N, C-alpha and C. Protein backbone atom coordinates (compact mmCIF):
# COMPACT_ATOMS: atom_id res chain seq x y z
N MET A 1 -65.39 -63.90 -34.68
CA MET A 1 -64.74 -64.90 -33.99
C MET A 1 -65.39 -65.60 -33.14
N ASP A 2 -65.35 -66.84 -32.62
CA ASP A 2 -65.98 -67.40 -31.96
C ASP A 2 -65.12 -67.34 -30.03
N TRP A 3 -66.34 -66.82 -29.41
CA TRP A 3 -65.69 -66.06 -27.95
C TRP A 3 -65.08 -67.72 -27.43
N GLN A 4 -65.53 -68.60 -27.33
CA GLN A 4 -65.10 -69.70 -26.62
C GLN A 4 -63.70 -70.20 -27.20
N VAL A 5 -63.56 -69.97 -28.49
CA VAL A 5 -61.76 -70.22 -29.23
C VAL A 5 -60.90 -68.93 -28.12
N LEU A 6 -61.30 -67.95 -28.20
CA LEU A 6 -60.42 -66.81 -27.90
C LEU A 6 -60.31 -66.92 -26.24
N LEU A 7 -61.46 -67.70 -25.65
CA LEU A 7 -61.20 -67.63 -24.18
C LEU A 7 -60.31 -69.16 -23.60
N ASN A 8 -60.23 -69.81 -24.17
CA ASN A 8 -59.39 -70.85 -23.95
C ASN A 8 -58.11 -70.33 -24.56
N TRP A 9 -57.65 -69.79 -25.67
CA TRP A 9 -56.39 -69.18 -26.09
C TRP A 9 -56.00 -68.30 -25.19
N ALA A 10 -57.12 -67.46 -24.68
CA ALA A 10 -56.20 -66.65 -23.16
C ALA A 10 -56.51 -67.41 -21.75
N GLN A 11 -56.56 -68.48 -21.68
CA GLN A 11 -56.14 -69.36 -20.59
C GLN A 11 -54.59 -69.96 -20.70
N ARG A 12 -54.48 -70.01 -21.56
CA ARG A 12 -52.80 -71.06 -22.04
C ARG A 12 -51.95 -69.98 -21.00
N PRO A 13 -51.29 -71.02 -20.59
CA PRO A 13 -49.83 -70.52 -19.59
C PRO A 13 -49.49 -69.64 -20.27
N GLN A 14 -49.07 -69.94 -21.75
CA GLN A 14 -47.97 -68.92 -22.44
C GLN A 14 -48.50 -67.42 -22.11
N VAL A 15 -49.75 -67.21 -22.88
CA VAL A 15 -50.35 -66.25 -22.80
C VAL A 15 -50.42 -65.52 -21.60
N VAL A 16 -50.71 -66.31 -20.62
CA VAL A 16 -51.15 -65.52 -19.30
C VAL A 16 -49.97 -65.05 -18.97
N LEU A 17 -48.56 -65.71 -18.75
CA LEU A 17 -47.20 -65.15 -18.54
C LEU A 17 -46.84 -63.72 -19.37
N GLY A 18 -47.33 -64.14 -20.52
CA GLY A 18 -46.99 -63.09 -21.61
C GLY A 18 -47.67 -61.82 -21.08
N LEU A 19 -48.95 -61.90 -21.12
CA LEU A 19 -49.83 -60.65 -20.70
C LEU A 19 -49.01 -60.19 -19.31
N ALA A 20 -48.64 -61.18 -18.12
CA ALA A 20 -48.32 -60.74 -17.05
C ALA A 20 -47.20 -59.77 -17.13
N VAL A 21 -46.40 -60.80 -18.00
CA VAL A 21 -45.08 -59.72 -18.30
C VAL A 21 -45.28 -58.38 -18.67
N ALA A 22 -46.34 -58.34 -19.65
CA ALA A 22 -46.30 -56.51 -20.34
C ALA A 22 -46.89 -55.71 -19.43
N VAL A 23 -47.78 -56.43 -18.64
CA VAL A 23 -48.46 -55.62 -17.76
C VAL A 23 -47.27 -55.12 -16.65
N ALA A 24 -46.74 -56.42 -15.84
CA ALA A 24 -45.26 -55.98 -15.71
C ALA A 24 -44.06 -54.64 -15.77
N ILE A 25 -44.07 -54.63 -17.01
CA ILE A 25 -43.10 -53.66 -18.02
C ILE A 25 -43.96 -52.60 -17.82
N LEU A 26 -45.33 -52.39 -17.83
CA LEU A 26 -46.31 -51.54 -18.10
C LEU A 26 -46.09 -50.16 -17.01
N LEU A 27 -46.35 -51.37 -15.57
CA LEU A 27 -46.28 -50.60 -14.82
C LEU A 27 -45.26 -49.99 -14.48
N ILE A 28 -43.84 -50.85 -14.44
CA ILE A 28 -42.68 -50.30 -14.50
C ILE A 28 -42.76 -48.90 -15.28
N TRP A 29 -43.02 -48.78 -16.40
CA TRP A 29 -42.41 -47.91 -17.30
C TRP A 29 -43.50 -46.49 -16.66
N ASN A 30 -44.68 -47.33 -16.35
CA ASN A 30 -45.45 -45.87 -15.88
C ASN A 30 -45.05 -45.71 -14.46
N GLY A 31 -44.33 -46.34 -13.68
CA GLY A 31 -43.78 -45.59 -12.39
C GLY A 31 -42.69 -44.75 -12.99
N VAL A 32 -41.79 -45.22 -13.82
CA VAL A 32 -40.50 -44.48 -14.03
C VAL A 32 -40.79 -43.06 -14.76
N GLN A 33 -42.37 -43.09 -15.35
CA GLN A 33 -42.76 -41.65 -16.14
C GLN A 33 -43.33 -40.81 -14.99
N ALA A 34 -43.89 -41.62 -13.83
CA ALA A 34 -44.73 -40.71 -12.58
C ALA A 34 -43.53 -40.17 -11.92
N TRP A 35 -42.41 -40.64 -12.24
CA TRP A 35 -40.83 -40.66 -11.38
C TRP A 35 -40.51 -39.17 -12.20
N ARG A 36 -40.65 -39.24 -13.06
CA ARG A 36 -40.02 -38.26 -14.03
C ARG A 36 -40.90 -37.10 -14.17
N TRP A 37 -42.41 -36.98 -14.03
CA TRP A 37 -43.05 -35.98 -14.36
C TRP A 37 -42.72 -35.29 -12.66
N GLY A 38 -42.89 -35.92 -12.06
CA GLY A 38 -42.52 -35.32 -10.70
C GLY A 38 -41.53 -34.42 -10.63
N LYS A 39 -40.31 -34.98 -10.94
CA LYS A 39 -39.38 -34.27 -11.07
C LYS A 39 -39.10 -33.35 -11.44
N PHE A 40 -40.10 -33.37 -13.13
CA PHE A 40 -40.34 -32.27 -13.95
C PHE A 40 -40.79 -30.98 -13.05
N MET A 41 -42.07 -31.44 -12.45
CA MET A 41 -43.08 -30.55 -11.73
C MET A 41 -42.24 -29.94 -10.81
N ARG A 42 -41.34 -30.64 -10.00
CA ARG A 42 -40.75 -29.54 -8.89
C ARG A 42 -39.69 -28.67 -9.62
N ARG A 43 -38.99 -28.92 -10.99
CA ARG A 43 -38.50 -27.77 -11.70
C ARG A 43 -39.20 -26.79 -11.91
N TRP A 44 -40.45 -26.83 -12.53
CA TRP A 44 -41.33 -26.06 -12.97
C TRP A 44 -41.57 -25.32 -12.09
N LYS A 45 -41.74 -25.97 -10.54
CA LYS A 45 -42.56 -25.00 -9.81
C LYS A 45 -41.41 -23.87 -9.16
N GLN A 46 -39.81 -24.88 -8.79
CA GLN A 46 -38.62 -23.82 -8.96
C GLN A 46 -38.76 -22.61 -9.66
N LEU A 47 -38.74 -22.81 -10.88
CA LEU A 47 -38.52 -22.08 -12.41
C LEU A 47 -39.34 -21.03 -12.10
N MET A 48 -40.75 -21.41 -11.70
CA MET A 48 -41.93 -20.19 -11.74
C MET A 48 -41.99 -19.67 -10.42
N THR A 49 -40.97 -19.57 -9.21
CA THR A 49 -41.15 -19.36 -8.08
C THR A 49 -39.60 -18.32 -8.02
N HIS A 50 -39.66 -17.43 -8.14
CA HIS A 50 -38.34 -16.83 -7.82
C HIS A 50 -37.82 -16.87 -6.39
N SER A 51 -36.34 -16.77 -6.14
CA SER A 51 -35.98 -17.24 -5.22
C SER A 51 -36.78 -16.14 -4.18
N GLU A 52 -36.91 -14.67 -4.27
CA GLU A 52 -37.40 -14.27 -3.07
C GLU A 52 -39.15 -14.18 -3.22
N GLY A 53 -39.73 -15.16 -3.90
CA GLY A 53 -41.02 -15.39 -3.45
C GLY A 53 -42.16 -14.86 -4.86
N GLY A 54 -41.62 -14.12 -5.65
CA GLY A 54 -42.18 -13.76 -6.89
C GLY A 54 -42.14 -14.70 -7.89
N SER A 55 -42.86 -14.03 -9.14
CA SER A 55 -43.22 -15.20 -10.17
C SER A 55 -41.81 -15.01 -11.08
N LEU A 56 -42.28 -15.94 -11.83
CA LEU A 56 -41.21 -16.05 -13.13
C LEU A 56 -41.80 -14.45 -13.72
N GLU A 57 -42.81 -14.33 -13.85
CA GLU A 57 -43.11 -13.41 -15.06
C GLU A 57 -43.28 -12.01 -14.22
N HIS A 58 -43.20 -12.20 -12.88
CA HIS A 58 -42.41 -10.78 -12.33
C HIS A 58 -40.92 -10.46 -12.59
N THR A 59 -40.42 -11.29 -12.28
CA THR A 59 -38.88 -11.06 -12.64
C THR A 59 -38.53 -11.05 -13.84
N LEU A 60 -39.23 -11.51 -14.67
CA LEU A 60 -39.13 -10.82 -16.44
C LEU A 60 -39.11 -9.35 -16.73
N TYR A 61 -40.60 -9.66 -16.15
CA TYR A 61 -40.76 -7.52 -15.75
C TYR A 61 -39.87 -6.71 -15.01
N GLU A 62 -39.04 -7.57 -14.25
CA GLU A 62 -38.16 -6.67 -13.18
C GLU A 62 -36.45 -6.39 -14.15
N THR A 63 -36.42 -7.67 -14.72
CA THR A 63 -35.61 -7.58 -15.46
C THR A 63 -35.54 -6.54 -16.51
N LEU A 64 -36.54 -6.55 -17.36
CA LEU A 64 -36.73 -5.67 -18.64
C LEU A 64 -36.71 -4.80 -18.21
N ARG A 65 -37.29 -3.50 -16.89
CA ARG A 65 -37.15 -2.58 -16.32
C ARG A 65 -35.73 -2.09 -16.19
N ARG A 66 -35.34 -3.36 -15.41
CA ARG A 66 -33.73 -2.94 -15.37
C ARG A 66 -32.88 -2.49 -16.52
N VAL A 67 -33.24 -3.24 -17.52
CA VAL A 67 -32.24 -3.51 -18.82
C VAL A 67 -32.52 -1.90 -19.78
N ALA A 68 -34.12 -2.03 -19.05
CA ALA A 68 -34.18 -0.38 -19.87
C ALA A 68 -33.94 0.67 -19.03
N LEU A 69 -33.42 0.85 -18.16
CA LEU A 69 -32.87 1.87 -17.36
C LEU A 69 -31.23 2.16 -17.62
N ILE A 70 -30.65 0.51 -18.06
CA ILE A 70 -29.03 0.55 -17.76
C ILE A 70 -28.82 1.24 -19.14
N GLU A 71 -29.69 0.91 -20.24
CA GLU A 71 -29.55 1.15 -21.58
C GLU A 71 -29.88 2.92 -21.62
N GLU A 72 -30.86 3.67 -20.53
CA GLU A 72 -30.76 5.15 -20.26
C GLU A 72 -29.07 5.52 -19.55
N MET A 73 -28.98 4.93 -18.90
CA MET A 73 -28.21 5.55 -18.07
C MET A 73 -26.44 5.28 -18.72
N LEU A 74 -26.63 4.04 -20.05
CA LEU A 74 -25.24 3.91 -20.94
C LEU A 74 -25.56 4.99 -22.30
N LYS A 75 -26.46 5.02 -22.35
CA LYS A 75 -26.62 6.48 -23.50
C LYS A 75 -26.41 7.87 -22.54
N ALA A 76 -26.41 8.29 -21.45
CA ALA A 76 -26.22 9.51 -20.74
C ALA A 76 -24.68 9.37 -20.16
N HIS A 77 -24.12 8.00 -20.10
CA HIS A 77 -23.02 8.36 -20.14
C HIS A 77 -22.09 8.34 -21.12
N GLY A 78 -22.88 7.61 -22.75
CA GLY A 78 -21.92 7.94 -23.81
C GLY A 78 -22.11 9.32 -23.86
N ASN A 79 -22.88 10.55 -23.93
CA ASN A 79 -22.89 11.73 -23.98
C ASN A 79 -22.09 12.35 -23.23
N HIS A 80 -21.66 12.06 -22.29
CA HIS A 80 -21.17 12.69 -21.04
C HIS A 80 -19.59 12.18 -21.23
N LEU A 81 -19.67 11.10 -22.12
CA LEU A 81 -17.89 10.61 -22.45
C LEU A 81 -17.87 11.78 -23.80
N GLN A 82 -18.42 11.82 -24.53
CA GLN A 82 -18.22 13.31 -25.56
C GLN A 82 -17.81 14.15 -25.05
N GLN A 83 -18.32 14.23 -24.05
CA GLN A 83 -18.39 16.09 -23.62
C GLN A 83 -16.94 15.77 -22.70
N LEU A 84 -16.59 14.78 -22.03
CA LEU A 84 -15.34 14.97 -21.46
C LEU A 84 -13.85 14.69 -22.74
N GLN A 85 -14.64 13.97 -23.54
CA GLN A 85 -13.99 14.22 -25.02
C GLN A 85 -13.56 15.23 -25.75
N SER A 86 -14.47 15.93 -25.77
CA SER A 86 -14.21 17.13 -26.51
C SER A 86 -13.26 18.30 -25.41
N GLN A 87 -13.44 18.25 -24.42
CA GLN A 87 -13.07 19.11 -23.43
C GLN A 87 -11.39 18.67 -23.28
N THR A 88 -11.15 16.98 -23.17
CA THR A 88 -9.90 16.64 -23.09
C THR A 88 -8.71 17.01 -24.47
N ASN A 89 -9.33 17.60 -25.25
CA ASN A 89 -8.88 17.47 -27.04
C ASN A 89 -8.68 19.19 -26.96
N GLN A 90 -8.51 20.25 -25.46
CA GLN A 90 -8.39 21.42 -25.26
C GLN A 90 -7.34 21.40 -24.00
N CYS A 91 -7.32 19.96 -23.18
CA CYS A 91 -6.30 19.75 -22.38
C CYS A 91 -5.27 19.95 -22.66
N LEU A 92 -4.01 20.70 -22.01
CA LEU A 92 -2.88 20.88 -22.63
C LEU A 92 -2.13 19.07 -22.16
N GLN A 93 -1.75 18.26 -23.29
CA GLN A 93 -1.25 17.03 -23.22
C GLN A 93 -0.52 16.90 -23.71
N ARG A 94 0.00 17.74 -24.66
CA ARG A 94 1.45 16.92 -25.33
C ARG A 94 2.94 17.67 -24.89
N VAL A 95 3.75 16.92 -24.42
CA VAL A 95 5.12 17.80 -23.55
C VAL A 95 6.22 17.30 -24.52
N GLY A 96 6.91 18.52 -24.62
CA GLY A 96 8.58 18.37 -25.28
C GLY A 96 9.35 19.34 -24.35
N MET A 97 10.08 18.94 -23.77
CA MET A 97 11.33 19.25 -23.11
C MET A 97 12.93 19.44 -23.44
N VAL A 98 13.37 20.49 -23.67
CA VAL A 98 15.00 20.69 -24.02
C VAL A 98 15.57 21.60 -23.23
N ARG A 99 16.73 20.12 -22.47
CA ARG A 99 17.71 20.99 -21.14
C ARG A 99 19.06 21.36 -22.06
N TYR A 100 19.42 22.70 -21.93
CA TYR A 100 20.69 22.77 -22.54
C TYR A 100 21.66 24.21 -21.44
N ASP A 101 22.75 24.39 -21.94
CA ASP A 101 23.41 25.44 -21.32
C ASP A 101 23.41 26.47 -22.76
N ALA A 102 23.09 27.36 -21.78
CA ALA A 102 22.80 28.39 -22.64
C ALA A 102 23.90 29.56 -22.67
N PHE A 103 24.90 29.58 -21.86
CA PHE A 103 26.08 30.16 -21.70
C PHE A 103 27.45 29.53 -21.68
N PRO A 104 28.12 29.48 -22.57
CA PRO A 104 29.46 28.48 -22.74
C PRO A 104 30.14 28.28 -21.19
N ASP A 105 30.13 29.28 -20.19
CA ASP A 105 30.75 29.07 -18.98
C ASP A 105 30.25 28.02 -18.12
N MET A 106 28.61 28.19 -18.34
CA MET A 106 27.71 27.50 -17.25
C MET A 106 27.17 26.00 -17.76
N GLY A 107 27.42 24.97 -16.92
CA GLY A 107 27.50 23.96 -17.02
C GLY A 107 26.18 23.37 -16.55
N GLY A 108 25.80 21.71 -16.41
CA GLY A 108 24.86 21.63 -16.16
C GLY A 108 23.46 21.65 -16.78
N GLN A 109 23.37 21.97 -17.86
CA GLN A 109 22.14 22.09 -18.04
C GLN A 109 21.05 23.16 -17.98
N GLN A 110 21.14 24.01 -17.30
CA GLN A 110 20.21 24.46 -16.52
C GLN A 110 19.25 25.26 -16.67
N SER A 111 19.32 25.56 -18.14
CA SER A 111 18.30 26.64 -18.87
C SER A 111 17.54 25.03 -19.53
N PHE A 112 16.33 25.77 -19.89
CA PHE A 112 15.59 25.00 -20.99
C PHE A 112 14.09 25.64 -21.70
N ALA A 113 13.57 24.30 -22.52
CA ALA A 113 12.42 25.10 -23.29
C ALA A 113 11.58 24.18 -23.35
N LEU A 114 10.08 24.39 -22.64
CA LEU A 114 9.49 23.63 -22.50
C LEU A 114 8.19 24.12 -23.26
N ALA A 115 7.64 23.10 -23.86
CA ALA A 115 6.68 23.56 -25.09
C ALA A 115 5.08 22.31 -24.60
N VAL A 116 4.13 22.95 -23.97
CA VAL A 116 3.16 22.11 -24.01
C VAL A 116 1.95 22.56 -24.93
N LEU A 117 1.43 21.19 -25.57
CA LEU A 117 0.25 21.52 -26.43
C LEU A 117 -1.00 20.93 -26.11
N ASN A 118 -2.18 21.49 -26.99
CA ASN A 118 -3.62 20.36 -26.66
C ASN A 118 -3.38 19.95 -28.07
N GLU A 119 -4.43 19.24 -28.36
CA GLU A 119 -4.61 18.14 -29.58
C GLU A 119 -4.81 18.87 -30.88
N GLN A 120 -5.12 20.37 -30.72
CA GLN A 120 -5.17 21.11 -32.04
C GLN A 120 -3.69 21.87 -31.99
N GLY A 121 -2.71 21.33 -31.01
CA GLY A 121 -1.58 21.80 -31.30
C GLY A 121 -1.34 23.56 -30.72
N ASP A 122 -1.84 23.68 -29.80
CA ASP A 122 -2.57 25.31 -29.37
C ASP A 122 -1.67 24.98 -28.04
N GLY A 123 -0.85 26.06 -27.70
CA GLY A 123 -0.71 26.25 -25.92
C GLY A 123 0.64 27.35 -25.88
N VAL A 124 1.62 26.86 -25.50
CA VAL A 124 2.87 27.88 -25.12
C VAL A 124 4.24 26.51 -24.57
N VAL A 125 5.38 27.86 -25.04
CA VAL A 125 6.47 27.52 -24.84
C VAL A 125 7.27 28.21 -24.05
N LEU A 126 7.58 27.58 -22.72
CA LEU A 126 8.34 28.15 -21.67
C LEU A 126 9.81 28.13 -21.75
N SER A 127 10.25 29.03 -21.91
CA SER A 127 11.96 28.82 -21.96
C SER A 127 12.40 29.52 -20.62
N GLY A 128 13.29 28.97 -20.18
CA GLY A 128 13.89 29.87 -18.74
C GLY A 128 15.53 29.25 -19.21
N ILE A 129 16.00 31.14 -18.75
CA ILE A 129 17.41 30.62 -19.01
C ILE A 129 18.36 31.24 -17.88
N HIS A 130 19.27 30.10 -17.41
CA HIS A 130 20.10 30.15 -16.14
C HIS A 130 21.39 31.11 -16.74
N SER A 131 21.37 31.65 -15.87
CA SER A 131 22.87 32.35 -16.03
C SER A 131 23.48 32.37 -14.07
N ARG A 132 24.77 33.03 -14.17
CA ARG A 132 25.21 32.83 -12.59
C ARG A 132 24.22 33.71 -11.49
N GLN A 133 24.10 35.00 -12.06
CA GLN A 133 23.59 35.91 -11.42
C GLN A 133 21.93 35.51 -11.35
N GLU A 134 21.05 34.89 -12.26
CA GLU A 134 19.50 35.27 -12.44
C GLU A 134 19.32 33.83 -13.08
N MET A 135 17.92 34.02 -13.41
CA MET A 135 17.12 32.65 -14.18
C MET A 135 16.17 33.44 -14.38
N ARG A 136 15.95 33.62 -15.86
CA ARG A 136 14.60 34.54 -16.51
C ARG A 136 14.11 33.34 -17.23
N VAL A 137 12.63 33.70 -17.33
CA VAL A 137 11.92 32.55 -18.01
C VAL A 137 10.69 33.34 -18.92
N TYR A 138 10.35 32.97 -20.23
CA TYR A 138 9.81 33.42 -20.82
C TYR A 138 8.69 32.20 -21.34
N ALA A 139 8.03 33.25 -21.76
CA ALA A 139 6.39 32.50 -22.38
C ALA A 139 6.03 32.70 -23.29
N LYS A 140 6.21 31.94 -24.66
CA LYS A 140 5.17 32.44 -26.00
C LYS A 140 4.22 31.44 -26.46
N ARG A 141 3.33 32.51 -26.89
CA ARG A 141 2.07 31.57 -27.01
C ARG A 141 2.37 31.01 -28.62
N ILE A 142 1.47 29.66 -28.88
CA ILE A 142 1.97 28.88 -29.79
C ILE A 142 0.34 28.26 -30.11
N GLN A 143 0.10 28.46 -31.29
CA GLN A 143 -1.60 28.32 -32.50
C GLN A 143 -0.78 27.18 -33.79
N LYS A 144 -1.66 26.29 -33.39
CA LYS A 144 -1.09 25.53 -34.63
C LYS A 144 0.15 24.68 -34.45
N HIS A 145 0.75 24.39 -33.89
CA HIS A 145 2.26 24.09 -33.64
C HIS A 145 3.04 25.56 -34.71
N ALA A 146 2.48 26.82 -34.33
CA ALA A 146 3.26 28.09 -34.73
C ALA A 146 3.53 28.78 -33.85
N SER A 147 4.51 29.57 -33.88
CA SER A 147 4.53 30.89 -33.40
C SER A 147 4.55 32.27 -33.89
N THR A 148 3.84 33.35 -33.43
CA THR A 148 4.16 34.66 -34.19
C THR A 148 5.09 35.31 -33.60
N ILE A 149 5.82 34.94 -32.68
CA ILE A 149 6.97 35.54 -32.37
C ILE A 149 8.29 34.40 -32.60
N GLY A 150 9.15 34.47 -32.80
CA GLY A 150 10.27 33.95 -33.55
C GLY A 150 10.81 33.02 -32.13
N LEU A 151 11.24 31.97 -32.32
CA LEU A 151 11.67 30.63 -31.59
C LEU A 151 13.00 30.34 -32.01
N SER A 152 13.89 29.94 -30.70
CA SER A 152 15.51 29.58 -30.45
C SER A 152 14.97 28.35 -31.19
N GLU A 153 16.29 27.72 -31.31
CA GLU A 153 16.24 26.46 -32.04
C GLU A 153 15.78 25.25 -31.04
N GLU A 154 16.49 25.91 -29.40
CA GLU A 154 15.82 24.64 -28.51
C GLU A 154 14.53 24.72 -28.07
N GLU A 155 13.93 26.20 -28.46
CA GLU A 155 12.29 25.85 -28.37
C GLU A 155 11.53 25.32 -29.28
N GLN A 156 12.38 25.36 -30.57
CA GLN A 156 11.60 24.96 -31.64
C GLN A 156 11.85 23.16 -31.47
N GLN A 157 13.03 22.66 -31.30
CA GLN A 157 12.81 21.19 -30.72
C GLN A 157 12.05 21.01 -30.01
N ALA A 158 11.88 21.71 -28.67
CA ALA A 158 11.05 21.25 -27.81
C ALA A 158 9.25 21.39 -28.07
N LEU A 159 9.39 21.86 -29.68
CA LEU A 159 7.37 22.10 -30.03
C LEU A 159 8.01 20.65 -31.08
N ARG A 160 8.92 20.72 -31.32
CA ARG A 160 8.87 19.23 -32.52
C ARG A 160 8.57 18.13 -31.63
N GLU A 161 9.18 17.86 -30.27
CA GLU A 161 8.67 16.91 -29.39
C GLU A 161 7.45 16.86 -29.18
N ALA A 162 6.92 17.74 -28.53
CA ALA A 162 5.74 18.14 -28.02
C ALA A 162 4.53 17.90 -28.85
N ALA A 163 4.62 17.72 -30.73
CA ALA A 163 3.89 17.95 -31.68
C ALA A 163 4.11 16.18 -32.06
N LYS A 164 5.17 15.71 -31.75
CA LYS A 164 5.20 14.19 -31.79
C LYS A 164 3.98 13.30 -31.47
């Protein structure tokens, strides 16, 4: 290509104006990109610097260390919870109570039968018989929802309530 033709073409006002517009657009585009890059770098530095002055890497290591500690604590708490659960199964937790009149001439249902059992059905039945002169209390051992000693109807009813 002949340089003279190219030079004449480049000196046309339309070409010069078009190139000037293209340069202006590229300068604006370059400014926008520089502004976005500066904004990105500010955010990157903020991300890489912990609020207490440490690096992000240090923060990640510290977070992982804390997660490991929390996992250990969770495991210990889980073991402790299992121990508590096994102890709870042995605790007296099921209660059944029946109030009644032991004698026909006595009112107010002052006598009672109280059954207190654990999860396996072991426990005790307490009976209190109230009369005009005295109050007597009896205790009968319960194993697996049954007693080796005979139970009154009220005691059996209290035992059924506790077993529910």
